Amino acid sequence: MSRMLIADDQDGIRLMLAQVFQNLGIEVDTANDGQNAWEKLEQNGYDLVLLDMNMPRMFGHEVLRNMRQRNIDTPVMIMTAFGEKSTLEEVQRLGITAQFEKPFDIYRMIEKVKEVLKIT
C-alpha cells in the first residue's frame, strides 16, 4: 500500500484530499503546518508528499529544501495560491513532480497521484 503525506493549513482542503486519496486505497497522514509536516517527514517514510507552499510555522519551500538537504528524494507535488516567481523557481530547482495552483483541478491531481504511485 502506498503512503502519502498531505500538508495544508486549510482544514477543508486537507481533509477533503485525505478522504479522496484514502478512497483510492492510499494510506494518508496529514499535517496542518510546515513544522508538523517536517516532523512527520523525519519520522516516517512516504511514497509521495502533497505540500502547500504557504503554511504557518514553516513554508512549504523550506520543508522541501530540508528534505533535499537531508537526501529525502520522495516525490513532492506542490499546491500554491500565490505565484511568487523566486519561490516557484526554487521549488522547481529542488525537484518537484507537479505543481497545482489553487483552486486546483482535483481530477488532474488524482490522475497525477495515480501516475506517480502507479495505481491503476
N, C-alpha and C. Protein backbone atom coordinates (compact mmCIF):
# COMPACT_ATOMS: atom_id res chain seq x y z
N MET A 1 0.84 -1.19 0.00
CA MET A 1 0.00 0.00 0.00
C MET A 1 0.88 1.24 0.00
N SER A 2 0.52 2.20 -0.81
CA SER A 2 1.25 3.46 -0.88
C SER A 2 0.89 4.34 0.30
N ARG A 3 1.84 5.19 0.67
CA ARG A 3 1.64 6.10 1.80
C ARG A 3 2.02 7.51 1.37
N MET A 4 1.14 8.47 1.70
CA MET A 4 1.44 9.85 1.33
C MET A 4 1.19 10.78 2.50
N LEU A 5 1.85 11.92 2.46
CA LEU A 5 1.66 12.99 3.43
C LEU A 5 1.02 14.16 2.71
N ILE A 6 -0.07 14.67 3.29
CA ILE A 6 -0.73 15.86 2.77
C ILE A 6 -0.55 16.97 3.79
N ALA A 7 0.11 18.05 3.40
CA ALA A 7 0.37 19.18 4.29
C ALA A 7 -0.30 20.43 3.74
N ASP A 8 -1.30 20.92 4.48
CA ASP A 8 -2.01 22.14 4.11
C ASP A 8 -2.64 22.71 5.37
N ASP A 9 -2.55 24.02 5.56
CA ASP A 9 -3.10 24.63 6.76
C ASP A 9 -4.61 24.87 6.67
N GLN A 10 -5.19 24.68 5.51
CA GLN A 10 -6.64 24.86 5.36
C GLN A 10 -7.32 23.51 5.62
N ASP A 11 -8.05 23.44 6.73
CA ASP A 11 -8.66 22.19 7.16
C ASP A 11 -9.51 21.55 6.06
N GLY A 12 -10.35 22.35 5.40
CA GLY A 12 -11.25 21.80 4.39
C GLY A 12 -10.51 21.13 3.25
N ILE A 13 -9.47 21.77 2.76
CA ILE A 13 -8.69 21.21 1.66
C ILE A 13 -7.97 19.95 2.12
N ARG A 14 -7.29 20.03 3.26
CA ARG A 14 -6.51 18.90 3.78
C ARG A 14 -7.39 17.67 4.00
N LEU A 15 -8.54 17.88 4.65
CA LEU A 15 -9.41 16.75 4.97
C LEU A 15 -10.08 16.18 3.72
N MET A 16 -10.46 17.03 2.78
CA MET A 16 -11.06 16.56 1.53
C MET A 16 -10.04 15.73 0.74
N LEU A 17 -8.82 16.22 0.63
CA LEU A 17 -7.79 15.47 -0.09
C LEU A 17 -7.48 14.15 0.59
N ALA A 18 -7.42 14.15 1.91
CA ALA A 18 -7.16 12.91 2.65
C ALA A 18 -8.24 11.89 2.33
N GLN A 19 -9.49 12.30 2.33
CA GLN A 19 -10.59 11.39 2.04
C GLN A 19 -10.52 10.85 0.62
N VAL A 20 -10.26 11.75 -0.34
CA VAL A 20 -10.17 11.33 -1.74
C VAL A 20 -9.09 10.26 -1.91
N PHE A 21 -7.92 10.48 -1.36
CA PHE A 21 -6.82 9.54 -1.58
C PHE A 21 -6.95 8.29 -0.73
N GLN A 22 -7.56 8.37 0.44
CA GLN A 22 -7.85 7.16 1.21
C GLN A 22 -8.83 6.28 0.44
N ASN A 23 -9.79 6.90 -0.25
CA ASN A 23 -10.75 6.13 -1.05
C ASN A 23 -10.08 5.40 -2.21
N LEU A 24 -8.88 5.84 -2.59
CA LEU A 24 -8.11 5.16 -3.63
C LEU A 24 -7.23 4.05 -3.04
N GLY A 25 -7.30 3.86 -1.73
CA GLY A 25 -6.51 2.83 -1.08
C GLY A 25 -5.13 3.28 -0.64
N ILE A 26 -4.93 4.58 -0.58
CA ILE A 26 -3.64 5.13 -0.16
C ILE A 26 -3.70 5.43 1.34
N GLU A 27 -2.66 5.05 2.05
CA GLU A 27 -2.55 5.40 3.47
C GLU A 27 -2.12 6.87 3.53
N VAL A 28 -2.87 7.70 4.27
CA VAL A 28 -2.64 9.14 4.28
C VAL A 28 -2.36 9.64 5.69
N ASP A 29 -1.28 10.40 5.83
CA ASP A 29 -1.02 11.19 7.03
C ASP A 29 -1.23 12.64 6.63
N THR A 30 -1.61 13.47 7.61
CA THR A 30 -1.81 14.89 7.32
C THR A 30 -1.03 15.75 8.30
N ALA A 31 -0.75 16.97 7.84
CA ALA A 31 -0.08 17.97 8.67
C ALA A 31 -0.74 19.31 8.41
N ASN A 32 -0.96 20.08 9.48
CA ASN A 32 -1.66 21.36 9.32
C ASN A 32 -0.73 22.56 9.27
N ASP A 33 0.58 22.32 9.34
CA ASP A 33 1.55 23.40 9.15
C ASP A 33 2.88 22.80 8.72
N GLY A 34 3.79 23.66 8.32
CA GLY A 34 5.07 23.19 7.79
C GLY A 34 5.93 22.48 8.82
N GLN A 35 5.94 22.96 10.04
CA GLN A 35 6.75 22.32 11.08
C GLN A 35 6.24 20.90 11.36
N ASN A 36 4.93 20.76 11.45
CA ASN A 36 4.33 19.44 11.67
C ASN A 36 4.65 18.51 10.49
N ALA A 37 4.60 19.04 9.27
CA ALA A 37 4.95 18.24 8.10
C ALA A 37 6.39 17.77 8.18
N TRP A 38 7.29 18.68 8.54
CA TRP A 38 8.70 18.31 8.62
C TRP A 38 8.94 17.24 9.68
N GLU A 39 8.29 17.37 10.83
CA GLU A 39 8.43 16.37 11.89
C GLU A 39 7.96 14.99 11.41
N LYS A 40 6.86 14.96 10.69
CA LYS A 40 6.37 13.68 10.17
C LYS A 40 7.32 13.11 9.12
N LEU A 41 7.90 13.98 8.30
CA LEU A 41 8.85 13.51 7.29
C LEU A 41 10.11 12.94 7.93
N GLU A 42 10.52 13.49 9.05
CA GLU A 42 11.70 12.97 9.75
C GLU A 42 11.43 11.61 10.38
N GLN A 43 10.18 11.35 10.73
CA GLN A 43 9.84 10.12 11.44
C GLN A 43 9.34 8.99 10.55
N ASN A 44 8.78 9.33 9.39
CA ASN A 44 8.11 8.33 8.56
C ASN A 44 8.62 8.36 7.13
N GLY A 45 8.43 7.25 6.46
CA GLY A 45 8.74 7.18 5.05
C GLY A 45 7.46 7.34 4.23
N TYR A 46 7.51 8.11 3.18
CA TYR A 46 6.35 8.33 2.33
C TYR A 46 6.72 8.05 0.88
N ASP A 47 5.71 7.67 0.12
CA ASP A 47 5.88 7.46 -1.31
C ASP A 47 5.61 8.74 -2.10
N LEU A 48 4.92 9.70 -1.45
CA LEU A 48 4.56 10.95 -2.10
C LEU A 48 4.21 11.98 -1.04
N VAL A 49 4.56 13.24 -1.30
CA VAL A 49 4.20 14.35 -0.42
C VAL A 49 3.44 15.37 -1.25
N LEU A 50 2.28 15.78 -0.74
CA LEU A 50 1.48 16.84 -1.34
C LEU A 50 1.61 18.02 -0.40
N LEU A 51 2.25 19.08 -0.85
CA LEU A 51 2.75 20.13 0.03
C LEU A 51 2.24 21.51 -0.38
N ASP A 52 1.51 22.16 0.52
CA ASP A 52 1.10 23.54 0.30
C ASP A 52 2.32 24.44 0.51
N MET A 53 2.42 25.50 -0.25
CA MET A 53 3.57 26.38 -0.14
C MET A 53 3.44 27.41 0.98
N ASN A 54 2.25 27.90 1.22
CA ASN A 54 2.06 28.99 2.18
C ASN A 54 1.40 28.45 3.45
N MET A 55 2.24 28.02 4.40
CA MET A 55 1.75 27.46 5.66
C MET A 55 2.43 28.15 6.84
N PRO A 56 1.77 28.15 8.00
CA PRO A 56 2.41 28.71 9.19
C PRO A 56 3.54 27.81 9.70
N ARG A 57 4.39 28.41 10.52
CA ARG A 57 5.50 27.77 11.23
C ARG A 57 6.64 27.31 10.34
N MET A 58 6.40 27.04 9.07
CA MET A 58 7.46 26.72 8.11
C MET A 58 6.81 26.68 6.74
N PHE A 59 7.32 27.47 5.82
CA PHE A 59 6.77 27.48 4.47
C PHE A 59 7.08 26.16 3.75
N GLY A 60 6.25 25.83 2.78
CA GLY A 60 6.43 24.60 2.04
C GLY A 60 7.78 24.49 1.37
N HIS A 61 8.28 25.61 0.81
CA HIS A 61 9.59 25.52 0.14
C HIS A 61 10.71 25.24 1.15
N GLU A 62 10.53 25.65 2.42
CA GLU A 62 11.51 25.33 3.44
C GLU A 62 11.47 23.84 3.79
N VAL A 63 10.27 23.28 3.84
CA VAL A 63 10.14 21.84 4.07
C VAL A 63 10.83 21.08 2.95
N LEU A 64 10.57 21.49 1.71
CA LEU A 64 11.19 20.83 0.56
C LEU A 64 12.71 20.98 0.60
N ARG A 65 13.19 22.17 0.91
CA ARG A 65 14.64 22.39 1.00
C ARG A 65 15.25 21.46 2.06
N ASN A 66 14.61 21.36 3.23
CA ASN A 66 15.09 20.46 4.29
C ASN A 66 15.13 19.01 3.80
N MET A 67 14.09 18.62 3.09
CA MET A 67 14.05 17.25 2.56
C MET A 67 15.25 16.98 1.66
N ARG A 68 15.48 17.87 0.73
CA ARG A 68 16.55 17.65 -0.24
C ARG A 68 17.93 17.73 0.42
N GLN A 69 18.09 18.63 1.40
CA GLN A 69 19.38 18.74 2.10
C GLN A 69 19.69 17.47 2.88
N ARG A 70 18.66 16.75 3.29
CA ARG A 70 18.84 15.50 4.04
C ARG A 70 18.66 14.27 3.14
N ASN A 71 18.75 14.50 1.84
CA ASN A 71 18.68 13.43 0.84
C ASN A 71 17.39 12.63 0.89
N ILE A 72 16.29 13.29 1.25
CA ILE A 72 14.97 12.66 1.16
C ILE A 72 14.46 12.99 -0.24
N ASP A 73 14.47 11.99 -1.10
CA ASP A 73 14.14 12.23 -2.51
C ASP A 73 12.72 11.83 -2.87
N THR A 74 11.84 11.76 -1.89
CA THR A 74 10.43 11.45 -2.11
C THR A 74 9.83 12.42 -3.12
N PRO A 75 9.03 11.92 -4.06
CA PRO A 75 8.35 12.84 -4.98
C PRO A 75 7.47 13.84 -4.21
N VAL A 76 7.50 15.09 -4.64
CA VAL A 76 6.74 16.16 -3.99
C VAL A 76 5.91 16.87 -5.05
N MET A 77 4.62 17.02 -4.74
CA MET A 77 3.73 17.84 -5.55
C MET A 77 3.36 19.04 -4.70
N ILE A 78 3.45 20.22 -5.28
CA ILE A 78 3.14 21.41 -4.51
C ILE A 78 1.78 21.99 -4.90
N MET A 79 1.18 22.65 -3.91
CA MET A 79 -0.05 23.41 -4.12
C MET A 79 0.28 24.85 -3.74
N THR A 80 -0.13 25.77 -4.57
CA THR A 80 0.18 27.16 -4.27
C THR A 80 -0.98 28.07 -4.66
N ALA A 81 -1.20 29.07 -3.85
CA ALA A 81 -2.23 30.08 -4.16
C ALA A 81 -1.57 31.37 -4.61
N PHE A 82 -0.26 31.41 -4.58
CA PHE A 82 0.44 32.62 -4.99
C PHE A 82 1.50 32.25 -6.02
N GLY A 83 1.84 33.20 -6.87
CA GLY A 83 2.79 32.92 -7.93
C GLY A 83 4.11 33.63 -7.74
N GLU A 84 4.60 33.68 -6.52
CA GLU A 84 5.87 34.35 -6.26
C GLU A 84 6.97 33.65 -7.06
N LYS A 85 7.49 34.35 -8.03
CA LYS A 85 8.39 33.76 -9.01
C LYS A 85 9.64 33.13 -8.37
N SER A 86 10.27 33.80 -7.43
CA SER A 86 11.51 33.27 -6.86
C SER A 86 11.26 31.97 -6.09
N THR A 87 10.14 31.89 -5.38
CA THR A 87 9.81 30.68 -4.62
C THR A 87 9.52 29.53 -5.58
N LEU A 88 8.76 29.80 -6.63
CA LEU A 88 8.45 28.75 -7.59
C LEU A 88 9.71 28.28 -8.32
N GLU A 89 10.61 29.19 -8.61
CA GLU A 89 11.88 28.80 -9.23
C GLU A 89 12.68 27.91 -8.29
N GLU A 90 12.67 28.25 -6.98
CA GLU A 90 13.42 27.44 -6.02
C GLU A 90 12.87 26.03 -5.93
N VAL A 91 11.54 25.88 -5.82
CA VAL A 91 10.98 24.53 -5.68
C VAL A 91 11.19 23.72 -6.96
N GLN A 92 11.18 24.37 -8.11
CA GLN A 92 11.46 23.65 -9.34
C GLN A 92 12.92 23.19 -9.37
N ARG A 93 13.81 24.03 -8.90
CA ARG A 93 15.23 23.67 -8.85
C ARG A 93 15.46 22.52 -7.87
N LEU A 94 14.71 22.51 -6.75
CA LEU A 94 14.84 21.46 -5.74
C LEU A 94 14.21 20.15 -6.20
N GLY A 95 13.40 20.21 -7.21
CA GLY A 95 12.82 19.00 -7.77
C GLY A 95 11.42 18.71 -7.27
N ILE A 96 10.44 19.11 -8.06
CA ILE A 96 9.05 18.76 -7.75
C ILE A 96 8.51 17.92 -8.90
N THR A 97 7.53 17.12 -8.58
CA THR A 97 6.92 16.24 -9.56
C THR A 97 5.79 16.94 -10.30
N ALA A 98 5.08 17.81 -9.58
CA ALA A 98 3.96 18.54 -10.19
C ALA A 98 3.66 19.77 -9.36
N GLN A 99 2.97 20.71 -9.99
CA GLN A 99 2.55 21.95 -9.32
C GLN A 99 1.07 22.17 -9.62
N PHE A 100 0.31 22.46 -8.57
CA PHE A 100 -1.12 22.73 -8.71
C PHE A 100 -1.42 24.09 -8.12
N GLU A 101 -2.02 24.95 -8.93
CA GLU A 101 -2.41 26.28 -8.45
C GLU A 101 -3.82 26.21 -7.90
N LYS A 102 -4.00 26.78 -6.71
CA LYS A 102 -5.34 26.83 -6.11
C LYS A 102 -6.15 27.92 -6.78
N PRO A 103 -7.41 27.68 -7.06
CA PRO A 103 -8.12 26.41 -6.88
C PRO A 103 -7.68 25.41 -7.96
N PHE A 104 -7.38 24.20 -7.55
CA PHE A 104 -6.84 23.21 -8.46
C PHE A 104 -7.94 22.29 -8.99
N ASP A 105 -7.62 21.61 -10.06
CA ASP A 105 -8.49 20.61 -10.67
C ASP A 105 -8.23 19.28 -9.97
N ILE A 106 -9.17 18.86 -9.13
CA ILE A 106 -8.97 17.65 -8.34
C ILE A 106 -8.79 16.42 -9.22
N TYR A 107 -9.44 16.38 -10.36
CA TYR A 107 -9.31 15.22 -11.24
C TYR A 107 -7.92 15.13 -11.85
N ARG A 108 -7.36 16.27 -12.20
CA ARG A 108 -5.98 16.30 -12.71
C ARG A 108 -5.01 15.85 -11.61
N MET A 109 -5.27 16.31 -10.38
CA MET A 109 -4.41 15.91 -9.26
C MET A 109 -4.50 14.41 -9.01
N ILE A 110 -5.71 13.87 -9.02
CA ILE A 110 -5.88 12.43 -8.81
C ILE A 110 -5.12 11.64 -9.86
N GLU A 111 -5.23 12.04 -11.11
CA GLU A 111 -4.53 11.34 -12.19
C GLU A 111 -3.02 11.38 -12.00
N LYS A 112 -2.50 12.54 -11.59
CA LYS A 112 -1.05 12.66 -11.37
C LYS A 112 -0.59 11.80 -10.20
N VAL A 113 -1.37 11.80 -9.11
CA VAL A 113 -1.04 10.96 -7.95
C VAL A 113 -1.04 9.49 -8.36
N LYS A 114 -2.07 9.07 -9.09
CA LYS A 114 -2.14 7.68 -9.54
C LYS A 114 -0.95 7.32 -10.43
N GLU A 115 -0.55 8.26 -11.28
CA GLU A 115 0.60 8.03 -12.16
C GLU A 115 1.89 7.85 -11.35
N VAL A 116 2.12 8.73 -10.39
CA VAL A 116 3.34 8.67 -9.59
C VAL A 116 3.38 7.40 -8.73
N LEU A 117 2.23 7.06 -8.14
CA LEU A 117 2.18 5.90 -7.25
C LEU A 117 1.89 4.59 -7.99
N LYS A 118 1.74 4.69 -9.32
CA LYS A 118 1.49 3.52 -10.16
C LYS A 118 0.25 2.75 -9.72
N ILE A 119 -0.85 3.54 -9.56
CA ILE A 119 -2.14 2.98 -9.19
C ILE A 119 -3.01 2.97 -10.44
N THR A 120 -3.64 1.84 -10.70
CA THR A 120 -4.50 1.76 -11.90
C THR A 120 -5.95 1.97 -11.55
